[in-house]
Amino acid sequence: MITQNDNFILGRMKGAKYALKGAIILLRTEASIQVQFIIASILTIAGFYYEISATEWMLQVFSIGLIMSIEGLNTAVEEIADFIHPEFHNKIGLIKDLAAGAVLIAAITATIVGFIIYVPKIIAA
C-alpha cells in the first residue's frame, strides 16, 4: 500500500528526473553553459593543483553553482520571452537584458572570488 509519504518521495524523485533532464539539455544545447562548464572544470583542476583550502573550495563551488544556475535561469527567461513574443519588442528586449545583467553580476563576483583564491597562489609559486 502506497502511503502519502511514499507519494511525496516518488514526487520528489520524479521532479529530480525533470531537473536532471533540464541540466543535460542546458549542457548539450547552450554555448554559454558549455563555456562555463569548461571554466568550472579548469578551476576544479586548478583547485587540486594549488591544494586550495576547504573554505576556498566552498567559495569556488558556490561561485560555479551560482553562475551556472543564473545562466540556466537566463536561458529560461529568454525561451519564455521568445515564446510569448517572437518578434522584436522593446519590453522583451529589456527583460532579456535584465536577465543577462544578472549573469554578468554573478560572473564578475565569481571572477573576484577566483582572483582572491588564485592570485596569491600563482604569485607564491
N, C-alpha and C. Protein backbone atom coordinates (compact mmCIF):
# COMPACT_ATOMS: atom_id res chain seq x y z
N MET A 1 0.83 -1.18 0.00
CA MET A 1 0.00 0.00 0.00
C MET A 1 0.88 1.25 0.00
N ILE A 2 0.61 2.18 -0.90
CA ILE A 2 1.39 3.42 -1.01
C ILE A 2 0.80 4.45 -0.06
N THR A 3 1.65 4.96 0.82
CA THR A 3 1.22 5.96 1.78
C THR A 3 1.44 7.36 1.20
N GLN A 4 0.93 8.35 1.92
CA GLN A 4 1.12 9.74 1.48
C GLN A 4 2.60 10.09 1.48
N ASN A 5 3.38 9.56 2.43
CA ASN A 5 4.81 9.80 2.49
C ASN A 5 5.51 9.22 1.26
N ASP A 6 5.05 8.01 0.82
CA ASP A 6 5.62 7.39 -0.38
C ASP A 6 5.35 8.25 -1.61
N ASN A 7 4.13 8.82 -1.70
CA ASN A 7 3.79 9.70 -2.82
C ASN A 7 4.69 10.93 -2.83
N PHE A 8 4.99 11.45 -1.64
CA PHE A 8 5.88 12.60 -1.55
C PHE A 8 7.26 12.24 -2.09
N ILE A 9 7.79 11.12 -1.66
CA ILE A 9 9.12 10.68 -2.10
C ILE A 9 9.12 10.41 -3.60
N LEU A 10 8.11 9.74 -4.10
CA LEU A 10 8.03 9.46 -5.54
C LEU A 10 7.92 10.76 -6.33
N GLY A 11 7.17 11.72 -5.81
CA GLY A 11 7.05 13.03 -6.46
C GLY A 11 8.38 13.75 -6.53
N ARG A 12 9.17 13.68 -5.45
CA ARG A 12 10.50 14.32 -5.44
C ARG A 12 11.44 13.62 -6.42
N MET A 13 11.34 12.30 -6.50
CA MET A 13 12.19 11.55 -7.44
C MET A 13 11.84 11.92 -8.88
N LYS A 14 10.56 12.06 -9.15
CA LYS A 14 10.10 12.46 -10.48
C LYS A 14 10.58 13.87 -10.80
N GLY A 15 10.48 14.78 -9.83
CA GLY A 15 10.96 16.15 -10.01
C GLY A 15 12.46 16.19 -10.26
N ALA A 16 13.21 15.36 -9.55
CA ALA A 16 14.67 15.29 -9.75
C ALA A 16 14.99 14.81 -11.16
N LYS A 17 14.18 13.90 -11.68
CA LYS A 17 14.38 13.41 -13.04
C LYS A 17 14.21 14.54 -14.05
N TYR A 18 13.20 15.37 -13.87
CA TYR A 18 12.98 16.51 -14.77
C TYR A 18 14.10 17.54 -14.64
N ALA A 19 14.56 17.76 -13.41
CA ALA A 19 15.66 18.71 -13.20
C ALA A 19 16.93 18.23 -13.88
N LEU A 20 17.22 16.94 -13.75
CA LEU A 20 18.40 16.36 -14.42
C LEU A 20 18.27 16.49 -15.93
N LYS A 21 17.07 16.23 -16.44
CA LYS A 21 16.81 16.38 -17.87
C LYS A 21 17.10 17.82 -18.32
N GLY A 22 16.65 18.80 -17.54
CA GLY A 22 16.88 20.20 -17.87
C GLY A 22 18.36 20.54 -17.85
N ALA A 23 19.09 20.03 -16.86
CA ALA A 23 20.53 20.30 -16.77
C ALA A 23 21.26 19.70 -17.98
N ILE A 24 20.86 18.51 -18.38
CA ILE A 24 21.50 17.87 -19.54
C ILE A 24 21.19 18.65 -20.81
N ILE A 25 19.96 19.10 -20.97
CA ILE A 25 19.59 19.92 -22.13
C ILE A 25 20.42 21.19 -22.17
N LEU A 26 20.57 21.85 -21.02
CA LEU A 26 21.39 23.06 -20.96
C LEU A 26 22.82 22.77 -21.40
N LEU A 27 23.41 21.72 -20.87
CA LEU A 27 24.80 21.38 -21.21
C LEU A 27 24.98 21.00 -22.68
N ARG A 28 23.98 20.37 -23.24
CA ARG A 28 24.07 19.93 -24.64
C ARG A 28 23.80 21.05 -25.65
N THR A 29 22.96 22.01 -25.27
CA THR A 29 22.47 22.95 -26.28
C THR A 29 22.91 24.40 -26.10
N GLU A 30 23.33 24.79 -24.92
CA GLU A 30 23.62 26.19 -24.65
C GLU A 30 25.12 26.47 -24.59
N ALA A 31 25.60 27.25 -25.55
CA ALA A 31 27.03 27.55 -25.63
C ALA A 31 27.54 28.23 -24.36
N SER A 32 26.74 29.11 -23.78
CA SER A 32 27.19 29.82 -22.58
C SER A 32 27.40 28.86 -21.41
N ILE A 33 26.53 27.90 -21.25
CA ILE A 33 26.67 26.89 -20.19
C ILE A 33 27.88 26.00 -20.49
N GLN A 34 28.09 25.66 -21.76
CA GLN A 34 29.23 24.83 -22.13
C GLN A 34 30.55 25.54 -21.79
N VAL A 35 30.62 26.84 -22.08
CA VAL A 35 31.82 27.62 -21.74
C VAL A 35 32.00 27.64 -20.22
N GLN A 36 30.92 27.89 -19.49
CA GLN A 36 31.00 27.92 -18.03
C GLN A 36 31.44 26.56 -17.47
N PHE A 37 30.97 25.49 -18.10
CA PHE A 37 31.35 24.14 -17.66
C PHE A 37 32.84 23.90 -17.87
N ILE A 38 33.37 24.36 -19.00
CA ILE A 38 34.81 24.22 -19.27
C ILE A 38 35.61 25.02 -18.25
N ILE A 39 35.19 26.25 -18.00
CA ILE A 39 35.88 27.08 -16.99
C ILE A 39 35.81 26.41 -15.62
N ALA A 40 34.65 25.87 -15.27
CA ALA A 40 34.50 25.19 -13.98
C ALA A 40 35.43 23.98 -13.89
N SER A 41 35.57 23.26 -14.98
CA SER A 41 36.46 22.09 -15.00
C SER A 41 37.92 22.52 -14.81
N ILE A 42 38.32 23.58 -15.50
CA ILE A 42 39.69 24.09 -15.37
C ILE A 42 39.95 24.55 -13.93
N LEU A 43 38.98 25.26 -13.35
CA LEU A 43 39.15 25.73 -11.98
C LEU A 43 39.16 24.58 -10.97
N THR A 44 38.43 23.53 -11.25
CA THR A 44 38.47 22.36 -10.38
C THR A 44 39.85 21.71 -10.41
N ILE A 45 40.41 21.58 -11.60
CA ILE A 45 41.77 21.05 -11.74
C ILE A 45 42.76 21.97 -11.02
N ALA A 46 42.60 23.28 -11.20
CA ALA A 46 43.48 24.25 -10.53
C ALA A 46 43.36 24.14 -9.02
N GLY A 47 42.15 23.90 -8.53
CA GLY A 47 41.95 23.74 -7.09
C GLY A 47 42.74 22.57 -6.53
N PHE A 48 42.76 21.46 -7.25
CA PHE A 48 43.55 20.32 -6.81
C PHE A 48 45.05 20.62 -6.93
N TYR A 49 45.43 21.25 -8.02
CA TYR A 49 46.85 21.56 -8.26
C TYR A 49 47.40 22.49 -7.17
N TYR A 50 46.66 23.54 -6.84
CA TYR A 50 47.12 24.51 -5.85
C TYR A 50 46.72 24.13 -4.42
N GLU A 51 46.04 23.00 -4.26
CA GLU A 51 45.64 22.50 -2.95
C GLU A 51 44.92 23.58 -2.14
N ILE A 52 43.85 24.10 -2.72
CA ILE A 52 43.11 25.15 -2.05
C ILE A 52 42.44 24.59 -0.78
N SER A 53 42.18 25.48 0.16
CA SER A 53 41.61 25.08 1.46
C SER A 53 40.13 24.70 1.31
N ALA A 54 39.60 24.12 2.37
CA ALA A 54 38.18 23.76 2.37
C ALA A 54 37.29 25.00 2.17
N THR A 55 37.66 26.10 2.81
CA THR A 55 36.89 27.34 2.65
C THR A 55 36.97 27.83 1.20
N GLU A 56 38.16 27.77 0.62
CA GLU A 56 38.31 28.18 -0.78
C GLU A 56 37.51 27.27 -1.71
N TRP A 57 37.48 25.96 -1.41
CA TRP A 57 36.66 25.05 -2.21
C TRP A 57 35.18 25.43 -2.11
N MET A 58 34.74 25.75 -0.90
CA MET A 58 33.33 26.12 -0.74
C MET A 58 32.99 27.36 -1.55
N LEU A 59 33.87 28.37 -1.50
CA LEU A 59 33.63 29.59 -2.26
C LEU A 59 33.67 29.32 -3.75
N GLN A 60 34.60 28.49 -4.18
CA GLN A 60 34.71 28.18 -5.61
C GLN A 60 33.49 27.39 -6.09
N VAL A 61 33.11 26.37 -5.36
CA VAL A 61 31.94 25.56 -5.75
C VAL A 61 30.67 26.42 -5.74
N PHE A 62 30.52 27.25 -4.73
CA PHE A 62 29.36 28.14 -4.67
C PHE A 62 29.34 29.10 -5.87
N SER A 63 30.50 29.66 -6.20
CA SER A 63 30.58 30.59 -7.34
C SER A 63 30.24 29.90 -8.65
N ILE A 64 30.77 28.70 -8.84
CA ILE A 64 30.47 27.94 -10.07
C ILE A 64 28.98 27.63 -10.13
N GLY A 65 28.42 27.16 -9.03
CA GLY A 65 26.99 26.84 -9.00
C GLY A 65 26.13 28.07 -9.23
N LEU A 66 26.53 29.20 -8.65
CA LEU A 66 25.80 30.44 -8.83
C LEU A 66 25.75 30.85 -10.29
N ILE A 67 26.90 30.86 -10.93
CA ILE A 67 26.95 31.28 -12.33
C ILE A 67 26.15 30.34 -13.22
N MET A 68 26.36 29.04 -13.05
CA MET A 68 25.66 28.09 -13.93
C MET A 68 24.15 28.12 -13.69
N SER A 69 23.74 28.31 -12.44
CA SER A 69 22.31 28.41 -12.14
C SER A 69 21.69 29.65 -12.76
N ILE A 70 22.34 30.79 -12.59
CA ILE A 70 21.79 32.02 -13.15
C ILE A 70 21.83 31.97 -14.67
N GLU A 71 22.86 31.36 -15.23
CA GLU A 71 22.93 31.19 -16.68
C GLU A 71 21.74 30.35 -17.17
N GLY A 72 21.40 29.31 -16.42
CA GLY A 72 20.23 28.49 -16.76
C GLY A 72 18.94 29.27 -16.66
N LEU A 73 18.80 30.08 -15.61
CA LEU A 73 17.61 30.92 -15.47
C LEU A 73 17.53 31.95 -16.59
N ASN A 74 18.68 32.52 -16.98
CA ASN A 74 18.72 33.46 -18.09
C ASN A 74 18.21 32.79 -19.38
N THR A 75 18.66 31.57 -19.60
CA THR A 75 18.21 30.83 -20.79
C THR A 75 16.70 30.60 -20.73
N ALA A 76 16.19 30.25 -19.56
CA ALA A 76 14.75 30.02 -19.41
C ALA A 76 13.96 31.31 -19.66
N VAL A 77 14.45 32.44 -19.14
CA VAL A 77 13.78 33.73 -19.37
C VAL A 77 13.75 34.04 -20.86
N GLU A 78 14.87 33.82 -21.54
CA GLU A 78 14.93 34.09 -22.98
C GLU A 78 13.96 33.20 -23.75
N GLU A 79 13.89 31.93 -23.37
CA GLU A 79 12.97 31.00 -24.04
C GLU A 79 11.52 31.42 -23.84
N ILE A 80 11.18 31.79 -22.62
CA ILE A 80 9.80 32.23 -22.33
C ILE A 80 9.48 33.50 -23.11
N ALA A 81 10.41 34.45 -23.10
CA ALA A 81 10.19 35.72 -23.79
C ALA A 81 10.00 35.50 -25.28
N ASP A 82 10.83 34.64 -25.87
CA ASP A 82 10.70 34.35 -27.31
C ASP A 82 9.40 33.62 -27.62
N PHE A 83 8.94 32.78 -26.70
CA PHE A 83 7.70 32.05 -26.90
C PHE A 83 6.50 32.99 -26.83
N ILE A 84 6.53 33.88 -25.87
CA ILE A 84 5.41 34.81 -25.68
C ILE A 84 5.36 35.86 -26.79
N HIS A 85 6.51 36.36 -27.18
CA HIS A 85 6.55 37.45 -28.16
C HIS A 85 7.74 37.23 -29.10
N PRO A 86 7.56 36.38 -30.14
CA PRO A 86 8.68 36.01 -31.03
C PRO A 86 9.32 37.18 -31.78
N GLU A 87 8.54 38.18 -32.16
CA GLU A 87 9.13 39.30 -32.89
C GLU A 87 9.70 40.32 -31.90
N PHE A 88 10.56 41.20 -32.40
CA PHE A 88 11.22 42.16 -31.52
C PHE A 88 10.21 43.06 -30.84
N HIS A 89 10.46 43.28 -29.55
CA HIS A 89 9.65 44.20 -28.77
C HIS A 89 10.56 44.81 -27.69
N ASN A 90 10.44 46.12 -27.47
CA ASN A 90 11.30 46.80 -26.51
C ASN A 90 11.22 46.19 -25.11
N LYS A 91 10.03 45.85 -24.65
CA LYS A 91 9.86 45.29 -23.30
C LYS A 91 10.54 43.92 -23.20
N ILE A 92 10.39 43.10 -24.24
CA ILE A 92 11.03 41.78 -24.25
C ILE A 92 12.54 41.96 -24.24
N GLY A 93 13.03 42.93 -25.02
CA GLY A 93 14.47 43.22 -25.03
C GLY A 93 14.96 43.63 -23.65
N LEU A 94 14.18 44.45 -22.95
CA LEU A 94 14.54 44.88 -21.60
C LEU A 94 14.59 43.68 -20.65
N ILE A 95 13.60 42.82 -20.73
CA ILE A 95 13.56 41.62 -19.87
C ILE A 95 14.79 40.75 -20.11
N LYS A 96 15.15 40.54 -21.37
CA LYS A 96 16.33 39.74 -21.69
C LYS A 96 17.61 40.42 -21.19
N ASP A 97 17.68 41.73 -21.35
CA ASP A 97 18.86 42.47 -20.87
C ASP A 97 19.01 42.36 -19.36
N LEU A 98 17.90 42.45 -18.64
CA LEU A 98 17.94 42.33 -17.18
C LEU A 98 18.45 40.95 -16.76
N ALA A 99 17.95 39.91 -17.42
CA ALA A 99 18.39 38.55 -17.09
C ALA A 99 19.88 38.38 -17.41
N ALA A 100 20.32 38.93 -18.54
CA ALA A 100 21.74 38.86 -18.89
C ALA A 100 22.58 39.67 -17.91
N GLY A 101 22.05 40.77 -17.42
CA GLY A 101 22.75 41.57 -16.42
C GLY A 101 22.97 40.80 -15.13
N ALA A 102 22.00 39.98 -14.75
CA ALA A 102 22.16 39.15 -13.55
C ALA A 102 23.31 38.17 -13.73
N VAL A 103 23.44 37.60 -14.93
CA VAL A 103 24.55 36.69 -15.22
C VAL A 103 25.87 37.45 -15.12
N LEU A 104 25.91 38.66 -15.66
CA LEU A 104 27.13 39.46 -15.62
C LEU A 104 27.56 39.75 -14.17
N ILE A 105 26.61 40.11 -13.33
CA ILE A 105 26.92 40.39 -11.93
C ILE A 105 27.50 39.14 -11.26
N ALA A 106 26.89 37.98 -11.50
CA ALA A 106 27.39 36.74 -10.92
C ALA A 106 28.78 36.41 -11.46
N ALA A 107 29.00 36.65 -12.75
CA ALA A 107 30.31 36.36 -13.34
C ALA A 107 31.40 37.26 -12.78
N ILE A 108 31.08 38.53 -12.59
CA ILE A 108 32.06 39.46 -12.00
C ILE A 108 32.38 39.03 -10.57
N THR A 109 31.35 38.68 -9.82
CA THR A 109 31.56 38.22 -8.44
C THR A 109 32.42 36.97 -8.40
N ALA A 110 32.13 36.00 -9.26
CA ALA A 110 32.90 34.76 -9.30
C ALA A 110 34.34 35.02 -9.74
N THR A 111 34.54 35.95 -10.65
CA THR A 111 35.89 36.30 -11.09
C THR A 111 36.69 36.90 -9.93
N ILE A 112 36.06 37.76 -9.16
CA ILE A 112 36.73 38.34 -7.99
C ILE A 112 37.11 37.24 -7.00
N VAL A 113 36.18 36.32 -6.74
CA VAL A 113 36.47 35.20 -5.85
C VAL A 113 37.66 34.40 -6.39
N GLY A 114 37.66 34.14 -7.69
CA GLY A 114 38.77 33.40 -8.30
C GLY A 114 40.10 34.11 -8.14
N PHE A 115 40.09 35.42 -8.35
CA PHE A 115 41.33 36.19 -8.17
C PHE A 115 41.81 36.13 -6.72
N ILE A 116 40.89 36.27 -5.79
CA ILE A 116 41.26 36.22 -4.36
C ILE A 116 41.88 34.86 -4.02
N ILE A 117 41.33 33.80 -4.57
CA ILE A 117 41.85 32.46 -4.28
C ILE A 117 43.18 32.20 -4.98
N TYR A 118 43.26 32.52 -6.29
CA TYR A 118 44.38 32.02 -7.09
C TYR A 118 45.56 32.98 -7.27
N VAL A 119 45.33 34.28 -7.26
CA VAL A 119 46.45 35.21 -7.50
C VAL A 119 47.56 35.02 -6.46
N PRO A 120 47.25 34.96 -5.16
CA PRO A 120 48.33 34.75 -4.19
C PRO A 120 49.07 33.41 -4.40
N LYS A 121 48.34 32.39 -4.81
CA LYS A 121 48.96 31.08 -5.02
C LYS A 121 49.86 31.10 -6.26
N ILE A 122 49.44 31.80 -7.31
CA ILE A 122 50.24 31.89 -8.53
C ILE A 122 51.49 32.73 -8.26
N ILE A 123 51.34 33.82 -7.52
CA ILE A 123 52.49 34.67 -7.20
C ILE A 123 53.50 33.90 -6.35
N ALA A 124 53.01 33.12 -5.39
CA ALA A 124 53.88 32.37 -4.48
C ALA A 124 54.58 31.20 -5.16
N ALA A 125 54.04 30.75 -6.29
CA ALA A 125 54.59 29.56 -6.97
C ALA A 125 55.89 29.85 -7.67
